[in-house]
Amino acid sequence: MGGVTQPWDPNPVFRALPPDEFAAFRDPGYVKIVWTLRADPVGDGKSVFRTETRAVATDSESRKKFRRYWSLLSPGIIAIRRAMLPVPGEFVLMQQLVFGISRDNVSASDMI
């Protein structure tokens, strides 16, 4: 997943772009951000949930703004991300409550 934004703006708007447009996007004044969510198998029907985010500014001024923004706000952003990402067991419970899925019918591969 990815988008372009000006995260330092008080009300940032994330614009999703198709992959080919995202790769070619060069408008000054933005940061291109991509992120992944994945589950890596670790054996015995278990997996580790991982997320990764990468960002690149489209020009030097945006890079300066983003570095300032990230240096001040990253601890809070990271804490919120950790709090918002479901623990796999909680994810299974959520599936049970929302979709009526039995725990017996949910495997590690269903955790995403």
N, C-alpha and C. Protein backbone atom coordinates (compact mmCIF):
# COMPACT_ATOMS: atom_id res chain seq x y z
N MET A 1 0.84 -1.16 0.00
CA MET A 1 0.00 0.00 0.00
C MET A 1 0.89 1.23 0.00
N GLY A 2 0.42 2.29 -0.57
CA GLY A 2 1.22 3.50 -0.58
C GLY A 2 0.40 4.72 -0.90
N GLY A 3 0.99 5.86 -0.59
CA GLY A 3 0.32 7.11 -0.88
C GLY A 3 1.30 8.26 -0.81
N VAL A 4 0.83 9.42 -1.20
CA VAL A 4 1.64 10.64 -1.10
C VAL A 4 0.91 11.59 -0.16
N THR A 5 1.69 12.36 0.59
CA THR A 5 1.09 13.25 1.58
C THR A 5 2.08 14.33 1.99
N GLN A 6 1.60 15.22 2.78
CA GLN A 6 2.42 16.23 3.46
C GLN A 6 2.15 16.02 4.95
N PRO A 7 2.84 15.08 5.58
CA PRO A 7 2.49 14.68 6.95
C PRO A 7 2.64 15.79 7.98
N TRP A 8 3.42 16.81 7.69
CA TRP A 8 3.61 17.91 8.62
C TRP A 8 2.41 18.87 8.63
N ASP A 9 1.53 18.72 7.65
CA ASP A 9 0.34 19.56 7.60
C ASP A 9 -0.57 19.21 8.79
N PRO A 10 -1.23 20.19 9.41
CA PRO A 10 -2.09 19.89 10.56
C PRO A 10 -3.20 18.88 10.26
N ASN A 11 -3.68 18.83 9.04
CA ASN A 11 -4.71 17.87 8.62
C ASN A 11 -4.25 17.17 7.34
N PRO A 12 -3.26 16.28 7.46
CA PRO A 12 -2.71 15.66 6.25
C PRO A 12 -3.73 14.79 5.53
N VAL A 13 -3.62 14.80 4.22
CA VAL A 13 -4.47 13.96 3.37
C VAL A 13 -3.55 12.98 2.65
N PHE A 14 -3.85 11.69 2.78
CA PHE A 14 -3.09 10.66 2.08
C PHE A 14 -3.79 10.37 0.76
N ARG A 15 -3.07 10.55 -0.33
CA ARG A 15 -3.60 10.28 -1.66
C ARG A 15 -3.04 8.96 -2.14
N ALA A 16 -3.89 7.98 -2.34
CA ALA A 16 -3.46 6.70 -2.90
C ALA A 16 -3.26 6.87 -4.39
N LEU A 17 -2.20 6.26 -4.90
CA LEU A 17 -1.92 6.30 -6.33
C LEU A 17 -1.71 4.89 -6.85
N PRO A 18 -2.12 4.61 -8.09
CA PRO A 18 -1.81 3.31 -8.69
C PRO A 18 -0.29 3.12 -8.72
N PRO A 19 0.19 1.88 -8.67
CA PRO A 19 1.64 1.63 -8.59
C PRO A 19 2.48 2.36 -9.63
N ASP A 20 2.04 2.41 -10.88
CA ASP A 20 2.86 3.07 -11.90
C ASP A 20 2.91 4.58 -11.67
N GLU A 21 1.81 5.19 -11.24
CA GLU A 21 1.81 6.62 -10.94
C GLU A 21 2.62 6.92 -9.68
N PHE A 22 2.52 6.02 -8.71
CA PHE A 22 3.27 6.20 -7.46
C PHE A 22 4.78 6.21 -7.75
N ALA A 23 5.24 5.26 -8.53
CA ALA A 23 6.67 5.17 -8.84
C ALA A 23 7.16 6.42 -9.57
N ALA A 24 6.32 6.98 -10.44
CA ALA A 24 6.72 8.14 -11.23
C ALA A 24 6.46 9.48 -10.53
N PHE A 25 5.77 9.47 -9.40
CA PHE A 25 5.37 10.72 -8.75
C PHE A 25 6.61 11.50 -8.31
N ARG A 26 6.69 12.77 -8.73
CA ARG A 26 7.85 13.62 -8.40
C ARG A 26 7.44 15.03 -7.99
N ASP A 27 6.15 15.29 -7.81
CA ASP A 27 5.71 16.65 -7.47
C ASP A 27 6.42 17.12 -6.21
N PRO A 28 7.02 18.30 -6.25
CA PRO A 28 7.69 18.81 -5.05
C PRO A 28 6.70 19.10 -3.92
N GLY A 29 7.20 18.98 -2.69
CA GLY A 29 6.38 19.31 -1.54
C GLY A 29 5.67 18.13 -0.91
N TYR A 30 6.06 16.91 -1.27
CA TYR A 30 5.37 15.71 -0.77
C TYR A 30 6.36 14.68 -0.23
N VAL A 31 5.78 13.73 0.49
CA VAL A 31 6.50 12.53 0.91
C VAL A 31 5.73 11.34 0.36
N LYS A 32 6.44 10.41 -0.26
CA LYS A 32 5.85 9.17 -0.73
C LYS A 32 6.05 8.14 0.38
N ILE A 33 4.95 7.50 0.80
CA ILE A 33 5.00 6.55 1.91
C ILE A 33 4.41 5.22 1.44
N VAL A 34 5.12 4.14 1.72
CA VAL A 34 4.62 2.79 1.45
C VAL A 34 4.68 1.98 2.74
N TRP A 35 3.76 1.04 2.87
CA TRP A 35 3.77 0.19 4.06
C TRP A 35 3.28 -1.19 3.69
N THR A 36 3.71 -2.15 4.50
CA THR A 36 3.30 -3.53 4.31
C THR A 36 2.79 -4.09 5.63
N LEU A 37 1.93 -5.06 5.53
CA LEU A 37 1.47 -5.86 6.65
C LEU A 37 1.64 -7.31 6.20
N ARG A 38 2.27 -8.14 7.02
CA ARG A 38 2.46 -9.52 6.58
C ARG A 38 2.60 -10.44 7.80
N ALA A 39 2.38 -11.71 7.54
CA ALA A 39 2.59 -12.74 8.56
C ALA A 39 3.62 -13.71 8.02
N ASP A 40 4.71 -13.89 8.75
CA ASP A 40 5.76 -14.82 8.34
C ASP A 40 5.64 -16.10 9.17
N PRO A 41 5.56 -17.26 8.50
CA PRO A 41 5.46 -18.51 9.25
C PRO A 41 6.74 -18.78 10.06
N VAL A 42 6.54 -19.27 11.28
CA VAL A 42 7.69 -19.62 12.12
C VAL A 42 7.61 -21.08 12.57
N GLY A 43 6.74 -21.84 11.94
CA GLY A 43 6.64 -23.27 12.21
C GLY A 43 5.50 -23.61 13.15
N ASP A 44 5.10 -24.87 13.10
CA ASP A 44 4.08 -25.43 13.99
C ASP A 44 2.78 -24.62 13.96
N GLY A 45 2.38 -24.16 12.78
CA GLY A 45 1.14 -23.42 12.64
C GLY A 45 1.15 -22.04 13.26
N LYS A 46 2.33 -21.51 13.53
CA LYS A 46 2.45 -20.18 14.14
C LYS A 46 3.06 -19.21 13.13
N SER A 47 2.83 -17.93 13.38
CA SER A 47 3.41 -16.91 12.51
C SER A 47 3.72 -15.67 13.33
N VAL A 48 4.56 -14.82 12.74
CA VAL A 48 4.92 -13.54 13.34
C VAL A 48 4.34 -12.45 12.45
N PHE A 49 3.60 -11.55 13.07
CA PHE A 49 3.00 -10.44 12.33
C PHE A 49 4.02 -9.32 12.24
N ARG A 50 4.21 -8.76 11.03
CA ARG A 50 5.19 -7.69 10.83
C ARG A 50 4.58 -6.56 10.01
N THR A 51 5.06 -5.37 10.28
CA THR A 51 4.69 -4.21 9.47
C THR A 51 5.96 -3.42 9.19
N GLU A 52 6.02 -2.85 8.01
CA GLU A 52 7.18 -2.04 7.64
C GLU A 52 6.69 -0.82 6.89
N THR A 53 7.28 0.32 7.19
CA THR A 53 6.92 1.57 6.53
C THR A 53 8.19 2.23 6.00
N ARG A 54 8.11 2.75 4.79
CA ARG A 54 9.23 3.49 4.20
C ARG A 54 8.70 4.79 3.62
N ALA A 55 9.54 5.82 3.70
CA ALA A 55 9.14 7.13 3.21
C ALA A 55 10.30 7.78 2.48
N VAL A 56 9.96 8.54 1.42
CA VAL A 56 10.96 9.30 0.69
C VAL A 56 10.34 10.62 0.26
N ALA A 57 11.06 11.70 0.49
CA ALA A 57 10.58 13.02 0.11
C ALA A 57 10.86 13.27 -1.37
N THR A 58 10.03 14.09 -1.97
CA THR A 58 10.19 14.36 -3.40
C THR A 58 11.15 15.52 -3.69
N ASP A 59 11.59 16.25 -2.65
CA ASP A 59 12.56 17.33 -2.85
C ASP A 59 13.23 17.62 -1.52
N SER A 60 14.29 18.41 -1.55
CA SER A 60 15.09 18.65 -0.34
C SER A 60 14.32 19.41 0.75
N GLU A 61 13.49 20.35 0.37
CA GLU A 61 12.70 21.08 1.38
C GLU A 61 11.72 20.15 2.09
N SER A 62 11.08 19.27 1.33
CA SER A 62 10.15 18.30 1.93
C SER A 62 10.90 17.33 2.84
N ARG A 63 12.12 16.98 2.44
CA ARG A 63 12.94 16.10 3.28
C ARG A 63 13.22 16.76 4.62
N LYS A 64 13.57 18.04 4.61
CA LYS A 64 13.83 18.77 5.86
C LYS A 64 12.58 18.82 6.74
N LYS A 65 11.43 19.12 6.12
CA LYS A 65 10.17 19.18 6.87
C LYS A 65 9.83 17.81 7.46
N PHE A 66 10.02 16.77 6.65
CA PHE A 66 9.68 15.42 7.13
C PHE A 66 10.61 15.00 8.27
N ARG A 67 11.90 15.27 8.15
CA ARG A 67 12.85 14.90 9.21
C ARG A 67 12.48 15.60 10.52
N ARG A 68 12.12 16.87 10.44
CA ARG A 68 11.70 17.62 11.64
C ARG A 68 10.42 17.00 12.23
N TYR A 69 9.44 16.76 11.37
CA TYR A 69 8.18 16.15 11.76
C TYR A 69 8.43 14.80 12.44
N TRP A 70 9.22 13.95 11.79
CA TRP A 70 9.44 12.60 12.30
C TRP A 70 10.23 12.62 13.60
N SER A 71 11.20 13.50 13.71
CA SER A 71 12.00 13.54 14.94
C SER A 71 11.14 13.94 16.14
N LEU A 72 10.13 14.76 15.93
CA LEU A 72 9.27 15.20 17.03
C LEU A 72 8.13 14.22 17.32
N LEU A 73 7.53 13.66 16.29
CA LEU A 73 6.30 12.90 16.48
C LEU A 73 6.43 11.38 16.39
N SER A 74 7.58 10.87 15.95
CA SER A 74 7.69 9.43 15.75
C SER A 74 7.43 8.60 17.01
N PRO A 75 7.87 9.00 18.22
CA PRO A 75 7.58 8.15 19.38
C PRO A 75 6.07 7.94 19.58
N GLY A 76 5.29 8.99 19.43
CA GLY A 76 3.84 8.86 19.57
C GLY A 76 3.21 8.05 18.45
N ILE A 77 3.70 8.26 17.23
CA ILE A 77 3.17 7.53 16.08
C ILE A 77 3.45 6.04 16.24
N ILE A 78 4.64 5.70 16.67
CA ILE A 78 4.99 4.29 16.87
C ILE A 78 4.14 3.69 17.97
N ALA A 79 3.92 4.40 19.06
CA ALA A 79 3.08 3.90 20.15
C ALA A 79 1.64 3.67 19.69
N ILE A 80 1.12 4.60 18.91
CA ILE A 80 -0.25 4.44 18.39
C ILE A 80 -0.33 3.24 17.47
N ARG A 81 0.66 3.09 16.61
CA ARG A 81 0.66 1.94 15.68
C ARG A 81 0.65 0.63 16.45
N ARG A 82 1.49 0.53 17.45
CA ARG A 82 1.54 -0.70 18.25
C ARG A 82 0.21 -0.95 18.96
N ALA A 83 -0.41 0.10 19.44
CA ALA A 83 -1.69 -0.05 20.13
C ALA A 83 -2.81 -0.42 19.16
N MET A 84 -2.73 0.06 17.92
CA MET A 84 -3.80 -0.17 16.96
C MET A 84 -3.70 -1.51 16.23
N LEU A 85 -2.51 -2.05 16.11
CA LEU A 85 -2.36 -3.32 15.40
C LEU A 85 -2.86 -4.44 16.30
N PRO A 86 -3.77 -5.26 15.80
CA PRO A 86 -4.32 -6.31 16.65
C PRO A 86 -3.31 -7.42 16.93
N VAL A 87 -3.34 -7.88 18.14
CA VAL A 87 -2.59 -9.08 18.50
C VAL A 87 -3.34 -10.23 17.83
N PRO A 88 -2.64 -11.22 17.25
CA PRO A 88 -3.35 -12.27 16.51
C PRO A 88 -4.54 -12.88 17.26
N GLY A 89 -4.41 -13.16 18.54
CA GLY A 89 -5.53 -13.71 19.30
C GLY A 89 -6.71 -12.76 19.33
N GLU A 90 -6.42 -11.47 19.45
CA GLU A 90 -7.49 -10.47 19.43
C GLU A 90 -8.11 -10.40 18.04
N PHE A 91 -7.29 -10.62 17.01
CA PHE A 91 -7.80 -10.61 15.64
C PHE A 91 -8.79 -11.76 15.45
N VAL A 92 -8.45 -12.93 15.98
CA VAL A 92 -9.35 -14.08 15.89
C VAL A 92 -10.64 -13.77 16.62
N LEU A 93 -10.54 -13.19 17.83
CA LEU A 93 -11.74 -12.82 18.59
C LEU A 93 -12.59 -11.83 17.80
N MET A 94 -11.94 -10.86 17.16
CA MET A 94 -12.67 -9.88 16.35
C MET A 94 -13.41 -10.59 15.22
N GLN A 95 -12.75 -11.55 14.56
CA GLN A 95 -13.41 -12.29 13.49
C GLN A 95 -14.62 -13.05 14.02
N GLN A 96 -14.46 -13.63 15.20
CA GLN A 96 -15.57 -14.37 15.80
C GLN A 96 -16.75 -13.45 16.07
N LEU A 97 -16.48 -12.29 16.65
CA LEU A 97 -17.54 -11.37 17.01
C LEU A 97 -18.21 -10.74 15.80
N VAL A 98 -17.40 -10.31 14.83
CA VAL A 98 -17.94 -9.58 13.68
C VAL A 98 -18.53 -10.52 12.64
N PHE A 99 -17.83 -11.62 12.35
CA PHE A 99 -18.24 -12.49 11.26
C PHE A 99 -18.83 -13.82 11.71
N GLY A 100 -18.85 -14.06 13.01
CA GLY A 100 -19.39 -15.32 13.51
C GLY A 100 -18.53 -16.51 13.15
N ILE A 101 -17.22 -16.28 12.97
CA ILE A 101 -16.30 -17.36 12.60
C ILE A 101 -15.85 -18.08 13.86
N SER A 102 -15.91 -19.38 13.84
CA SER A 102 -15.48 -20.18 14.98
C SER A 102 -13.96 -20.19 15.05
N ARG A 103 -13.43 -20.16 16.27
CA ARG A 103 -11.97 -20.24 16.47
C ARG A 103 -11.40 -21.48 15.81
N ASP A 104 -12.18 -22.57 15.77
CA ASP A 104 -11.70 -23.82 15.16
C ASP A 104 -11.52 -23.70 13.65
N ASN A 105 -12.18 -22.71 13.06
CA ASN A 105 -12.11 -22.54 11.60
C ASN A 105 -11.12 -21.48 11.16
N VAL A 106 -10.32 -20.93 12.09
CA VAL A 106 -9.37 -19.87 11.76
C VAL A 106 -7.97 -20.43 11.91
N SER A 107 -7.18 -20.33 10.84
CA SER A 107 -5.80 -20.81 10.89
C SER A 107 -4.84 -19.63 10.92
N ALA A 108 -3.55 -19.93 11.12
CA ALA A 108 -2.54 -18.88 11.15
C ALA A 108 -2.53 -18.08 9.86
N SER A 109 -2.84 -18.72 8.75
CA SER A 109 -2.83 -18.00 7.47
C SER A 109 -4.01 -17.02 7.37
N ASP A 110 -4.99 -17.13 8.25
CA ASP A 110 -6.12 -16.21 8.25
C ASP A 110 -5.88 -14.98 9.10
N MET A 111 -4.72 -14.88 9.69
CA MET A 111 -4.45 -13.80 10.64
C MET A 111 -4.27 -12.45 9.99
N ILE A 112 -4.25 -12.37 8.67
CA ILE A 112 -4.12 -11.07 8.01
C ILE A 112 -5.40 -10.79 7.27
